[in-house]
Amino acid sequence: MGLALPPAHAANDENPQVAVGATTTLELDGNPSTGYRWVLDVAASDNTEIVTVEDAGYAKPNAEPGKRPVLGAPSKQRFQVTGVSPGEAMLVFYYVRSGDEAPSKTQEFLVEVIGGSE
């Protein structure tokens, strides 16, 4: 595994912070060519009303200059999380493929939303 400098919260940063009205990006390791996608499980999550979560799709794969990206290469699926009101939200994401009943992976993030008036 190569180490990349994360421009956002990497999948191993499970306690990101975001201010009210600000947006941060969560990145989860995935592979769009496998048919699997990360989805937010609202029922398993807690206090989701203090944030908005938007699927921003997969990051474009990095390719060396002059070379084409490798087809089927792993990529980061990104979610934009915007703080709505102060508090903590537990976001539970499942890595699932259409037609499968059980997810192959789960990832949890405890997002702290920091109030703008403090």
PDB file of N, CA and C in Angstrom:
ATOM      1  N   MET A   1       0.835  -1.190   0.000  1.00  0.00           N
ATOM      2  CA  MET A   1       0.000   0.000   0.000  1.00  0.00           C
ATOM      3  C   MET A   1       0.872   1.243   0.000  1.00  0.00           C
ATOM      4  N   GLY A   2       0.642   2.124  -0.932  1.00  0.00           N
ATOM      5  CA  GLY A   2       1.373   3.373  -0.956  1.00  0.00           C
ATOM      6  C   GLY A   2       0.715   4.385  -0.029  1.00  0.00           C
ATOM      7  N   LEU A   3       1.526   5.228   0.560  1.00  0.00           N
ATOM      8  CA  LEU A   3       0.977   6.260   1.431  1.00  0.00           C
ATOM      9  C   LEU A   3       0.753   7.521   0.610  1.00  0.00           C
ATOM     10  N   ALA A   4      -0.443   8.046   0.698  1.00  0.00           N
ATOM     11  CA  ALA A   4      -0.767   9.288   0.000  1.00  0.00           C
ATOM     12  C   ALA A   4      -1.045  10.349   1.046  1.00  0.00           C
ATOM     13  N   LEU A   5      -0.717  11.571   0.739  1.00  0.00           N
ATOM     14  CA  LEU A   5      -1.047  12.649   1.660  1.00  0.00           C
ATOM     15  C   LEU A   5      -2.534  12.932   1.553  1.00  0.00           C
ATOM     16  N   PRO A   6      -3.280  12.713   2.629  1.00  0.00           N
ATOM     17  CA  PRO A   6      -4.729  12.882   2.532  1.00  0.00           C
ATOM     18  C   PRO A   6      -5.125  14.354   2.520  1.00  0.00           C
ATOM     19  N   PRO A   7      -5.823  14.786   1.477  1.00  0.00           N
ATOM     20  CA  PRO A   7      -6.308  16.155   1.453  1.00  0.00           C
ATOM     21  C   PRO A   7      -7.530  16.303   2.350  1.00  0.00           C
ATOM     22  N   ALA A   8      -8.054  15.186   2.806  1.00  0.00           N
ATOM     23  CA  ALA A   8      -9.251  15.180   3.636  1.00  0.00           C
ATOM     24  C   ALA A   8      -9.028  14.146   4.724  1.00  0.00           C
ATOM     25  N   HIS A   9     -10.097  13.755   5.392  1.00  0.00           N
ATOM     26  CA  HIS A   9      -9.996  12.743   6.432  1.00  0.00           C
ATOM     27  C   HIS A   9      -9.897  11.378   5.780  1.00  0.00           C
ATOM     28  N   ALA A  10      -8.809  10.701   6.027  1.00  0.00           N
ATOM     29  CA  ALA A  10      -8.640   9.356   5.486  1.00  0.00           C
ATOM     30  C   ALA A  10      -9.524   8.396   6.273  1.00  0.00           C
ATOM     31  N   ALA A  11      -9.686   7.208   5.742  1.00  0.00           N
ATOM     32  CA  ALA A  11     -10.568   6.223   6.364  1.00  0.00           C
ATOM     33  C   ALA A  11     -10.113   5.856   7.771  1.00  0.00           C
ATOM     34  N   ASN A  12      -8.830   6.065   8.091  1.00  0.00           N
ATOM     35  CA  ASN A  12      -8.379   5.703   9.427  1.00  0.00           C
ATOM     36  C   ASN A  12      -8.554   6.847  10.432  1.00  0.00           C
ATOM     37  N   ASP A  13      -9.005   7.998   9.997  1.00  0.00           N
ATOM     38  CA  ASP A  13      -9.302   9.108  10.908  1.00  0.00           C
ATOM     39  C   ASP A  13     -10.786   9.030  11.236  1.00  0.00           C
ATOM     40  N   GLU A  14     -11.095   8.336  12.327  1.00  0.00           N
ATOM     41  CA  GLU A  14     -12.488   8.038  12.620  1.00  0.00           C
ATOM     42  C   GLU A  14     -13.174   9.116  13.456  1.00  0.00           C
ATOM     43  N   ASN A  15     -12.440  10.193  13.808  1.00  0.00           N
ATOM     44  CA  ASN A  15     -13.031  11.246  14.620  1.00  0.00           C
ATOM     45  C   ASN A  15     -12.810  12.624  14.003  1.00  0.00           C
ATOM     46  N   PRO A  16     -13.320  12.842  12.802  1.00  0.00           N
ATOM     47  CA  PRO A  16     -13.126  14.158  12.178  1.00  0.00           C
ATOM     48  C   PRO A  16     -13.964  15.239  12.862  1.00  0.00           C
ATOM     49  N   GLN A  17     -13.517  16.476  12.752  1.00  0.00           N
ATOM     50  CA  GLN A  17     -14.258  17.628  13.265  1.00  0.00           C
ATOM     51  C   GLN A  17     -14.645  18.519  12.097  1.00  0.00           C
ATOM     52  N   VAL A  18     -15.800  19.169  12.244  1.00  0.00           N
ATOM     53  CA  VAL A  18     -16.241  20.128  11.241  1.00  0.00           C
ATOM     54  C   VAL A  18     -17.021  21.224  11.972  1.00  0.00           C
ATOM     55  N   ALA A  19     -16.876  22.459  11.535  1.00  0.00           N
ATOM     56  CA  ALA A  19     -17.607  23.570  12.139  1.00  0.00           C
ATOM     57  C   ALA A  19     -18.996  23.673  11.515  1.00  0.00           C
ATOM     58  N   VAL A  20     -19.919  24.273  12.259  1.00  0.00           N
ATOM     59  CA  VAL A  20     -21.256  24.534  11.716  1.00  0.00           C
ATOM     60  C   VAL A  20     -21.095  25.371  10.447  1.00  0.00           C
ATOM     61  N   GLY A  21     -21.728  24.936   9.375  1.00  0.00           N
ATOM     62  CA  GLY A  21     -21.665  25.650   8.111  1.00  0.00           C
ATOM     63  C   GLY A  21     -20.459  25.300   7.263  1.00  0.00           C
ATOM     64  N   ALA A  22     -19.513  24.541   7.810  1.00  0.00           N
ATOM     65  CA  ALA A  22     -18.320  24.143   7.060  1.00  0.00           C
ATOM     66  C   ALA A  22     -18.494  22.703   6.568  1.00  0.00           C
ATOM     67  N   THR A  23     -17.657  22.323   5.607  1.00  0.00           N
ATOM     68  CA  THR A  23     -17.729  20.987   5.014  1.00  0.00           C
ATOM     69  C   THR A  23     -16.370  20.325   5.092  1.00  0.00           C
ATOM     70  N   THR A  24     -16.364  19.038   5.413  1.00  0.00           N
ATOM     71  CA  THR A  24     -15.152  18.234   5.363  1.00  0.00           C
ATOM     72  C   THR A  24     -15.429  17.025   4.476  1.00  0.00           C
ATOM     73  N   THR A  25     -14.387  16.358   4.048  1.00  0.00           N
ATOM     74  CA  THR A  25     -14.542  15.201   3.171  1.00  0.00           C
ATOM     75  C   THR A  25     -14.043  13.953   3.877  1.00  0.00           C
ATOM     76  N   LEU A  26     -14.877  12.931   3.897  1.00  0.00           N
ATOM     77  CA  LEU A  26     -14.465  11.614   4.381  1.00  0.00           C
ATOM     78  C   LEU A  26     -14.100  10.783   3.164  1.00  0.00           C
ATOM     79  N   GLU A  27     -13.020  10.030   3.257  1.00  0.00           N
ATOM     80  CA  GLU A  27     -12.600   9.172   2.154  1.00  0.00           C
ATOM     81  C   GLU A  27     -12.553   7.735   2.640  1.00  0.00           C
ATOM     82  N   LEU A  28     -13.172   6.841   1.869  1.00  0.00           N
ATOM     83  CA  LEU A  28     -13.195   5.429   2.211  1.00  0.00           C
ATOM     84  C   LEU A  28     -12.604   4.637   1.058  1.00  0.00           C
ATOM     85  N   ASP A  29     -11.760   3.651   1.390  1.00  0.00           N
ATOM     86  CA  ASP A  29     -11.115   2.830   0.364  1.00  0.00           C
ATOM     87  C   ASP A  29     -12.145   1.963  -0.335  1.00  0.00           C
ATOM     88  N   GLY A  30     -12.149   2.021  -1.644  1.00  0.00           N
ATOM     89  CA  GLY A  30     -13.088   1.219  -2.408  1.00  0.00           C
ATOM     90  C   GLY A  30     -12.532   0.908  -3.784  1.00  0.00           C
ATOM     91  N   ASN A  31     -13.369   0.294  -4.593  1.00  0.00           N
ATOM     92  CA  ASN A  31     -12.980  -0.021  -5.960  1.00  0.00           C
ATOM     93  C   ASN A  31     -14.244  -0.037  -6.810  1.00  0.00           C
ATOM     94  N   PRO A  32     -14.458   1.024  -7.618  1.00  0.00           N
ATOM     95  CA  PRO A  32     -15.704   1.124  -8.375  1.00  0.00           C
ATOM     96  C   PRO A  32     -15.901  -0.003  -9.382  1.00  0.00           C
ATOM     97  N   SER A  33     -14.821  -0.658  -9.819  1.00  0.00           N
ATOM     98  CA  SER A  33     -14.963  -1.703 -10.833  1.00  0.00           C
ATOM     99  C   SER A  33     -15.527  -3.005 -10.262  1.00  0.00           C
ATOM    100  N   THR A  34     -15.609  -3.123  -8.937  1.00  0.00           N
ATOM    101  CA  THR A  34     -16.090  -4.366  -8.323  1.00  0.00           C
ATOM    102  C   THR A  34     -17.606  -4.406  -8.167  1.00  0.00           C
ATOM    103  N   GLY A  35     -18.259  -3.268  -8.363  1.00  0.00           N
ATOM    104  CA  GLY A  35     -19.702  -3.210  -8.154  1.00  0.00           C
ATOM    105  C   GLY A  35     -20.078  -2.853  -6.729  1.00  0.00           C
ATOM    106  N   TYR A  36     -19.098  -2.733  -5.857  1.00  0.00           N
ATOM    107  CA  TYR A  36     -19.364  -2.333  -4.467  1.00  0.00           C
ATOM    108  C   TYR A  36     -19.354  -0.814  -4.354  1.00  0.00           C
ATOM    109  N   ARG A  37     -20.162  -0.288  -3.435  1.00  0.00           N
ATOM    110  CA  ARG A  37     -20.192   1.141  -3.127  1.00  0.00           C
ATOM    111  C   ARG A  37     -20.370   1.309  -1.634  1.00  0.00           C
ATOM    112  N   TRP A  38     -19.822   2.388  -1.111  1.00  0.00           N
ATOM    113  CA  TRP A  38     -20.088   2.761   0.279  1.00  0.00           C
ATOM    114  C   TRP A  38     -21.413   3.511   0.334  1.00  0.00           C
ATOM    115  N   VAL A  39     -22.254   3.163   1.310  1.00  0.00           N
ATOM    116  CA  VAL A  39     -23.514   3.868   1.517  1.00  0.00           C
ATOM    117  C   VAL A  39     -23.654   4.171   3.004  1.00  0.00           C
ATOM    118  N   LEU A  40     -24.253   5.309   3.298  1.00  0.00           N
ATOM    119  CA  LEU A  40     -24.527   5.681   4.686  1.00  0.00           C
ATOM    120  C   LEU A  40     -25.752   4.916   5.155  1.00  0.00           C
ATOM    121  N   ASP A  41     -25.623   4.212   6.263  1.00  0.00           N
ATOM    122  CA  ASP A  41     -26.765   3.515   6.865  1.00  0.00           C
ATOM    123  C   ASP A  41     -27.348   4.429   7.937  1.00  0.00           C
ATOM    124  N   VAL A  42     -28.391   5.149   7.555  1.00  0.00           N
ATOM    125  CA  VAL A  42     -28.991   6.130   8.466  1.00  0.00           C
ATOM    126  C   VAL A  42     -29.565   5.438   9.701  1.00  0.00           C
ATOM    127  N   ALA A  43     -30.151   4.247   9.531  1.00  0.00           N
ATOM    128  CA  ALA A  43     -30.751   3.531  10.660  1.00  0.00           C
ATOM    129  C   ALA A  43     -29.700   3.125  11.690  1.00  0.00           C
ATOM    130  N   ALA A  44     -28.501   2.746  11.233  1.00  0.00           N
ATOM    131  CA  ALA A  44     -27.436   2.330  12.153  1.00  0.00           C
ATOM    132  C   ALA A  44     -26.666   3.531  12.706  1.00  0.00           C
ATOM    133  N   SER A  45     -26.775   4.668  12.034  1.00  0.00           N
ATOM    134  CA  SER A  45     -26.070   5.873  12.470  1.00  0.00           C
ATOM    135  C   SER A  45     -26.850   6.553  13.585  1.00  0.00           C
ATOM    136  N   ASP A  46     -26.198   7.517  14.231  1.00  0.00           N
ATOM    137  CA  ASP A  46     -26.824   8.198  15.363  1.00  0.00           C
ATOM    138  C   ASP A  46     -26.627   9.705  15.222  1.00  0.00           C
ATOM    139  N   ASN A  47     -27.698  10.456  15.466  1.00  0.00           N
ATOM    140  CA  ASN A  47     -27.646  11.923  15.498  1.00  0.00           C
ATOM    141  C   ASN A  47     -27.308  12.515  14.127  1.00  0.00           C
ATOM    142  N   THR A  48     -27.792  11.885  13.051  1.00  0.00           N
ATOM    143  CA  THR A  48     -27.462  12.340  11.696  1.00  0.00           C
ATOM    144  C   THR A  48     -28.083  13.681  11.340  1.00  0.00           C
ATOM    145  N   GLU A  49     -29.042  14.149  12.134  1.00  0.00           N
ATOM    146  CA  GLU A  49     -29.689  15.418  11.802  1.00  0.00           C
ATOM    147  C   GLU A  49     -28.773  16.621  12.003  1.00  0.00           C
ATOM    148  N   ILE A  50     -27.624  16.440  12.679  1.00  0.00           N
ATOM    149  CA  ILE A  50     -26.721  17.587  12.889  1.00  0.00           C
ATOM    150  C   ILE A  50     -25.722  17.759  11.744  1.00  0.00           C
ATOM    151  N   VAL A  51     -25.794  16.871  10.741  1.00  0.00           N
ATOM    152  CA  VAL A  51     -24.914  16.983   9.578  1.00  0.00           C
ATOM    153  C   VAL A  51     -25.707  16.684   8.317  1.00  0.00           C
ATOM    154  N   THR A  52     -25.172  17.125   7.174  1.00  0.00           N
ATOM    155  CA  THR A  52     -25.665  16.630   5.894  1.00  0.00           C
ATOM    156  C   THR A  52     -24.531  15.824   5.285  1.00  0.00           C
ATOM    157  N   VAL A  53     -24.883  14.721   4.628  1.00  0.00           N
ATOM    158  CA  VAL A  53     -23.887  13.841   4.016  1.00  0.00           C
ATOM    159  C   VAL A  53     -24.237  13.692   2.544  1.00  0.00           C
ATOM    160  N   GLU A  54     -23.270  14.007   1.685  1.00  0.00           N
ATOM    161  CA  GLU A  54     -23.483  13.920   0.240  1.00  0.00           C
ATOM    162  C   GLU A  54     -22.410  13.033  -0.369  1.00  0.00           C
ATOM    163  N   ASP A  55     -22.835  12.039  -1.154  1.00  0.00           N
ATOM    164  CA  ASP A  55     -21.894  11.161  -1.843  1.00  0.00           C
ATOM    165  C   ASP A  55     -21.245  11.963  -2.963  1.00  0.00           C
ATOM    166  N   ALA A  56     -19.928  12.161  -2.875  1.00  0.00           N
ATOM    167  CA  ALA A  56     -19.201  12.938  -3.883  1.00  0.00           C
ATOM    168  C   ALA A  56     -18.538  12.025  -4.908  1.00  0.00           C
ATOM    169  N   GLY A  57     -18.832  10.718  -4.867  1.00  0.00           N
ATOM    170  CA  GLY A  57     -18.299   9.792  -5.858  1.00  0.00           C
ATOM    171  C   GLY A  57     -16.863   9.405  -5.587  1.00  0.00           C
ATOM    172  N   TYR A  58     -16.312   8.682  -6.525  1.00  0.00           N
ATOM    173  CA  TYR A  58     -14.929   8.220  -6.388  1.00  0.00           C
ATOM    174  C   TYR A  58     -13.959   9.290  -6.872  1.00  0.00           C
ATOM    175  N   ALA A  59     -12.821   9.367  -6.188  1.00  0.00           N
ATOM    176  CA  ALA A  59     -11.745  10.260  -6.615  1.00  0.00           C
ATOM    177  C   ALA A  59     -11.168   9.722  -7.918  1.00  0.00           C
ATOM    178  N   LYS A  60     -10.691  10.619  -8.750  1.00  0.00           N
ATOM    179  CA  LYS A  60     -10.042  10.172  -9.987  1.00  0.00           C
ATOM    180  C   LYS A  60      -8.742   9.468  -9.609  1.00  0.00           C
ATOM    181  N   PRO A  61      -8.475   8.307 -10.230  1.00  0.00           N
ATOM    182  CA  PRO A  61      -7.229   7.612  -9.892  1.00  0.00           C
ATOM    183  C   PRO A  61      -6.022   8.435 -10.306  1.00  0.00           C
ATOM    184  N   ASN A  62      -4.992   8.364  -9.486  1.00  0.00           N
ATOM    185  CA  ASN A  62      -3.754   9.082  -9.811  1.00  0.00           C
ATOM    186  C   ASN A  62      -2.990   8.310 -10.875  1.00  0.00           C
ATOM    187  N   ALA A  63      -2.513   9.017 -11.857  1.00  0.00           N
ATOM    188  CA  ALA A  63      -1.693   8.398 -12.896  1.00  0.00           C
ATOM    189  C   ALA A  63      -0.436   9.236 -13.048  1.00  0.00           C
ATOM    190  N   GLU A  64       0.652   8.556 -13.347  1.00  0.00           N
ATOM    191  CA  GLU A  64       1.889   9.284 -13.590  1.00  0.00           C
ATOM    192  C   GLU A  64       1.724  10.098 -14.873  1.00  0.00           C
ATOM    193  N   PRO A  65       2.380  11.254 -14.957  1.00  0.00           N
ATOM    194  CA  PRO A  65       2.271  12.071 -16.169  1.00  0.00           C
ATOM    195  C   PRO A  65       2.629  11.252 -17.399  1.00  0.00           C
ATOM    196  N   GLY A  66       1.781  11.322 -18.403  1.00  0.00           N
ATOM    197  CA  GLY A  66       2.023  10.609 -19.635  1.00  0.00           C
ATOM    198  C   GLY A  66       1.530   9.169 -19.634  1.00  0.00           C
ATOM    199  N   LYS A  67       1.018   8.709 -18.497  1.00  0.00           N
ATOM    200  CA  LYS A  67       0.517   7.337 -18.417  1.00  0.00           C
ATOM    201  C   LYS A  67      -0.974   7.356 -18.124  1.00  0.00           C
ATOM    202  N   ARG A  68      -1.632   6.301 -18.568  1.00  0.00           N
ATOM    203  CA  ARG A  68      -3.068   6.185 -18.309  1.00  0.00           C
ATOM    204  C   ARG A  68      -3.289   5.546 -16.946  1.00  0.00           C
ATOM    205  N   PRO A  69      -4.407   5.913 -16.259  1.00  0.00           N
ATOM    206  CA  PRO A  69      -4.698   5.256 -14.982  1.00  0.00           C
ATOM    207  C   PRO A  69      -4.971   3.767 -15.210  1.00  0.00           C
ATOM    208  N   VAL A  70      -4.634   2.968 -14.227  1.00  0.00           N
ATOM    209  CA  VAL A  70      -4.846   1.524 -14.314  1.00  0.00           C
ATOM    210  C   VAL A  70      -6.329   1.235 -14.124  1.00  0.00           C
ATOM    211  N   LEU A  71      -6.915   0.514 -15.084  1.00  0.00           N
ATOM    212  CA  LEU A  71      -8.321   0.137 -14.950  1.00  0.00           C
ATOM    213  C   LEU A  71      -8.469  -0.851 -13.810  1.00  0.00           C
ATOM    214  N   GLY A  72      -9.529  -0.696 -13.022  1.00  0.00           N
ATOM    215  CA  GLY A  72      -9.786  -1.605 -11.915  1.00  0.00           C
ATOM    216  C   GLY A  72      -8.958  -1.325 -10.680  1.00  0.00           C
ATOM    217  N   ALA A  73      -8.222  -0.220 -10.683  1.00  0.00           N
ATOM    218  CA  ALA A  73      -7.391   0.111  -9.529  1.00  0.00           C
ATOM    219  C   ALA A  73      -8.260   0.609  -8.375  1.00  0.00           C
ATOM    220  N   PRO A  74      -7.826   0.343  -7.142  1.00  0.00           N
ATOM    221  CA  PRO A  74      -8.568   0.870  -5.987  1.00  0.00           C
ATOM    222  C   PRO A  74      -8.625   2.393  -6.040  1.00  0.00           C
ATOM    223  N   SER A  75      -9.662   2.943  -5.439  1.00  0.00           N
ATOM    224  CA  SER A  75      -9.862   4.385  -5.438  1.00  0.00           C
ATOM    225  C   SER A  75     -10.536   4.774  -4.132  1.00  0.00           C
ATOM    226  N   LYS A  76     -10.616   6.051  -3.869  1.00  0.00           N
ATOM    227  CA  LYS A  76     -11.267   6.554  -2.658  1.00  0.00           C
ATOM    228  C   LYS A  76     -12.667   7.049  -3.013  1.00  0.00           C
ATOM    229  N   GLN A  77     -13.676   6.527  -2.303  1.00  0.00           N
ATOM    230  CA  GLN A  77     -15.015   7.079  -2.447  1.00  0.00           C
ATOM    231  C   GLN A  77     -15.131   8.185  -1.406  1.00  0.00           C
ATOM    232  N   ARG A  78     -15.640   9.340  -1.844  1.00  0.00           N
ATOM    233  CA  ARG A  78     -15.657  10.522  -0.986  1.00  0.00           C
ATOM    234  C   ARG A  78     -17.079  10.886  -0.587  1.00  0.00           C
ATOM    235  N   PHE A  79     -17.214  11.357   0.644  1.00  0.00           N
ATOM    236  CA  PHE A  79     -18.486  11.878   1.146  1.00  0.00           C
ATOM    237  C   PHE A  79     -18.234  13.254   1.728  1.00  0.00           C
ATOM    238  N   GLN A  80     -19.026  14.236   1.283  1.00  0.00           N
ATOM    239  CA  GLN A  80     -18.947  15.594   1.820  1.00  0.00           C
ATOM    240  C   GLN A  80     -19.860  15.664   3.043  1.00  0.00           C
ATOM    241  N   VAL A  81     -19.297  16.035   4.194  1.00  0.00           N
ATOM    242  CA  VAL A  81     -20.066  16.139   5.430  1.00  0.00           C
ATOM    243  C   VAL A  81     -20.060  17.603   5.856  1.00  0.00           C
ATOM    244  N   THR A  82     -21.260  18.180   5.980  1.00  0.00           N
ATOM    245  CA  THR A  82     -21.406  19.584   6.361  1.00  0.00           C
ATOM    246  C   THR A  82     -22.063  19.668   7.727  1.00  0.00           C
ATOM    247  N   GLY A  83     -21.488  20.477   8.602  1.00  0.00           N
ATOM    248  CA  GLY A  83     -22.049  20.658   9.942  1.00  0.00           C
ATOM    249  C   GLY A  83     -23.301  21.514   9.893  1.00  0.00           C
ATOM    250  N   VAL A  84     -24.355  21.055  10.577  1.00  0.00           N
ATOM    251  CA  VAL A  84     -25.621  21.786  10.632  1.00  0.00           C
ATOM    252  C   VAL A  84     -25.821  22.404  12.010  1.00  0.00           C
ATOM    253  N   SER A  85     -25.588  21.616  13.065  1.00  0.00           N
ATOM    254  CA  SER A  85     -25.701  22.131  14.435  1.00  0.00           C
ATOM    255  C   SER A  85     -24.686  21.406  15.318  1.00  0.00           C
ATOM    256  N   PRO A  86     -24.261  22.048  16.441  1.00  0.00           N
ATOM    257  CA  PRO A  86     -23.215  21.468  17.280  1.00  0.00           C
ATOM    258  C   PRO A  86     -23.623  20.125  17.883  1.00  0.00           C
ATOM    259  N   GLY A  87     -22.631  19.261  18.065  1.00  0.00           N
ATOM    260  CA  GLY A  87     -22.858  17.965  18.690  1.00  0.00           C
ATOM    261  C   GLY A  87     -21.975  16.909  18.060  1.00  0.00           C
ATOM    262  N   GLU A  88     -22.310  15.641  18.334  1.00  0.00           N
ATOM    263  CA  GLU A  88     -21.562  14.532  17.759  1.00  0.00           C
ATOM    264  C   GLU A  88     -22.516  13.614  17.003  1.00  0.00           C
ATOM    265  N   ALA A  89     -22.102  13.206  15.831  1.00  0.00           N
ATOM    266  CA  ALA A  89     -22.894  12.284  15.019  1.00  0.00           C
ATOM    267  C   ALA A  89     -22.051  11.044  14.728  1.00  0.00           C
ATOM    268  N   MET A  90     -22.625   9.868  14.971  1.00  0.00           N
ATOM    269  CA  MET A  90     -21.966   8.615  14.604  1.00  0.00           C
ATOM    270  C   MET A  90     -22.488   8.215  13.232  1.00  0.00           C
ATOM    271  N   LEU A  91     -21.603   8.226  12.235  1.00  0.00           N
ATOM    272  CA  LEU A  91     -21.988   7.867  10.874  1.00  0.00           C
ATOM    273  C   LEU A  91     -21.471   6.462  10.576  1.00  0.00           C
ATOM    274  N   VAL A  92     -22.372   5.582  10.152  1.00  0.00           N
ATOM    275  CA  VAL A  92     -22.004   4.206   9.846  1.00  0.00           C
ATOM    276  C   VAL A  92     -22.171   3.996   8.346  1.00  0.00           C
ATOM    277  N   PHE A  93     -21.082   3.629   7.692  1.00  0.00           N
ATOM    278  CA  PHE A  93     -21.093   3.365   6.256  1.00  0.00           C
ATOM    279  C   PHE A  93     -20.931   1.870   6.026  1.00  0.00           C
ATOM    280  N   TYR A  94     -21.691   1.340   5.054  1.00  0.00           N
ATOM    281  CA  TYR A  94     -21.581  -0.056   4.654  1.00  0.00           C
ATOM    282  C   TYR A  94     -21.052  -0.118   3.233  1.00  0.00           C
ATOM    283  N   TYR A  95     -20.172  -1.088   2.979  1.00  0.00           N
ATOM    284  CA  TYR A  95     -19.620  -1.334   1.639  1.00  0.00           C
ATOM    285  C   TYR A  95     -20.402  -2.509   1.075  1.00  0.00           C
ATOM    286  N   VAL A  96     -21.324  -2.222   0.176  1.00  0.00           N
ATOM    287  CA  VAL A  96     -22.251  -3.251  -0.306  1.00  0.00           C
ATOM    288  C   VAL A  96     -22.300  -3.275  -1.827  1.00  0.00           C
ATOM    289  N   ARG A  97     -22.730  -4.414  -2.332  1.00  0.00           N
ATOM    290  CA  ARG A  97     -22.944  -4.585  -3.766  1.00  0.00           C
ATOM    291  C   ARG A  97     -24.426  -4.825  -3.968  1.00  0.00           C
ATOM    292  N   SER A  98     -24.981  -4.280  -5.025  1.00  0.00           N
ATOM    293  CA  SER A  98     -26.401  -4.437  -5.320  1.00  0.00           C
ATOM    294  C   SER A  98     -26.764  -5.925  -5.344  1.00  0.00           C
ATOM    295  N   GLY A  99     -27.812  -6.279  -4.621  1.00  0.00           N
ATOM    296  CA  GLY A  99     -28.267  -7.662  -4.574  1.00  0.00           C
ATOM    297  C   GLY A  99     -27.723  -8.440  -3.392  1.00  0.00           C
ATOM    298  N   ASP A 100     -26.665  -7.942  -2.760  1.00  0.00           N
ATOM    299  CA  ASP A 100     -26.120  -8.616  -1.578  1.00  0.00           C
ATOM    300  C   ASP A 100     -26.889  -8.157  -0.337  1.00  0.00           C
ATOM    301  N   GLU A 101     -27.133  -9.073   0.571  1.00  0.00           N
ATOM    302  CA  GLU A 101     -27.851  -8.709   1.797  1.00  0.00           C
ATOM    303  C   GLU A 101     -26.906  -8.151   2.852  1.00  0.00           C
ATOM    304  N   ALA A 102     -25.716  -8.721   2.957  1.00  0.00           N
ATOM    305  CA  ALA A 102     -24.783  -8.303   4.002  1.00  0.00           C
ATOM    306  C   ALA A 102     -23.652  -7.474   3.396  1.00  0.00           C
ATOM    307  N   PRO A 103     -23.239  -6.411   4.090  1.00  0.00           N
ATOM    308  CA  PRO A 103     -22.104  -5.624   3.603  1.00  0.00           C
ATOM    309  C   PRO A 103     -20.806  -6.406   3.765  1.00  0.00           C
ATOM    310  N   SER A 104     -19.837  -6.130   2.896  1.00  0.00           N
ATOM    311  CA  SER A 104     -18.549  -6.801   3.043  1.00  0.00           C
ATOM    312  C   SER A 104     -17.664  -6.083   4.062  1.00  0.00           C
ATOM    313  N   LYS A 105     -17.896  -4.780   4.262  1.00  0.00           N
ATOM    314  CA  LYS A 105     -17.129  -4.007   5.246  1.00  0.00           C
ATOM    315  C   LYS A 105     -18.041  -2.943   5.848  1.00  0.00           C
ATOM    316  N   THR A 106     -17.681  -2.496   7.035  1.00  0.00           N
ATOM    317  CA  THR A 106     -18.338  -1.331   7.627  1.00  0.00           C
ATOM    318  C   THR A 106     -17.250  -0.370   8.095  1.00  0.00           C
ATOM    319  N   GLN A 107     -17.602   0.902   8.139  1.00  0.00           N
ATOM    320  CA  GLN A 107     -16.682   1.934   8.624  1.00  0.00           C
ATOM    321  C   GLN A 107     -17.511   2.937   9.407  1.00  0.00           C
ATOM    322  N   GLU A 108     -17.044   3.283  10.603  1.00  0.00           N
ATOM    323  CA  GLU A 108     -17.750   4.248  11.449  1.00  0.00           C
ATOM    324  C   GLU A 108     -16.897   5.500  11.612  1.00  0.00           C
ATOM    325  N   PHE A 109     -17.574   6.626  11.647  1.00  0.00           N
ATOM    326  CA  PHE A 109     -16.931   7.910  11.919  1.00  0.00           C
ATOM    327  C   PHE A 109     -17.722   8.612  13.011  1.00  0.00           C
ATOM    328  N   LEU A 110     -17.042   9.089  14.039  1.00  0.00           N
ATOM    329  CA  LEU A 110     -17.670   9.921  15.043  1.00  0.00           C
ATOM    330  C   LEU A 110     -17.315  11.359  14.674  1.00  0.00           C
ATOM    331  N   VAL A 111     -18.281  12.054  14.056  1.00  0.00           N
ATOM    332  CA  VAL A 111     -18.038  13.405  13.572  1.00  0.00           C
ATOM    333  C   VAL A 111     -18.457  14.403  14.643  1.00  0.00           C
ATOM    334  N   GLU A 112     -17.523  15.266  15.032  1.00  0.00           N
ATOM    335  CA  GLU A 112     -17.834  16.309  15.999  1.00  0.00           C
ATOM    336  C   GLU A 112     -18.111  17.601  15.252  1.00  0.00           C
ATOM    337  N   VAL A 113     -19.306  18.151  15.459  1.00  0.00           N
ATOM    338  CA  VAL A 113     -19.662  19.426  14.846  1.00  0.00           C
ATOM    339  C   VAL A 113     -19.455  20.510  15.895  1.00  0.00           C
ATOM    340  N   ILE A 114     -18.608  21.472  15.571  1.00  0.00           N
ATOM    341  CA  ILE A 114     -18.243  22.532  16.506  1.00  0.00           C
ATOM    342  C   ILE A 114     -19.094  23.756  16.210  1.00  0.00           C
ATOM    343  N   GLY A 115     -19.705  24.303  17.253  1.00  0.00           N
ATOM    344  CA  GLY A 115     -20.577  25.464  17.101  1.00  0.00           C
ATOM    345  C   GLY A 115     -19.842  26.692  16.638  1.00  0.00           C
ATOM    346  N   GLY A 116     -20.504  27.478  15.778  1.00  0.00           N
ATOM    347  CA  GLY A 116     -19.895  28.675  15.251  1.00  0.00           C
ATOM    348  C   GLY A 116     -19.924  29.844  16.216  1.00  0.00           C
ATOM    349  N   SER A 117     -20.751  29.771  17.272  1.00  0.00           N
ATOM    350  CA  SER A 117     -20.909  30.919  18.177  1.00  0.00           C
ATOM    351  C   SER A 117     -20.082  30.782  19.450  1.00  0.00           C
ATOM    352  N   GLU A 118     -19.244  29.746  19.529  1.00  0.00           N
ATOM    353  CA  GLU A 118     -18.465  29.537  20.751  1.00  0.00           C
ATOM    354  C   GLU A 118     -17.282  30.482  20.819  1.00  0.00           C
TER     355      GLU A 118
END
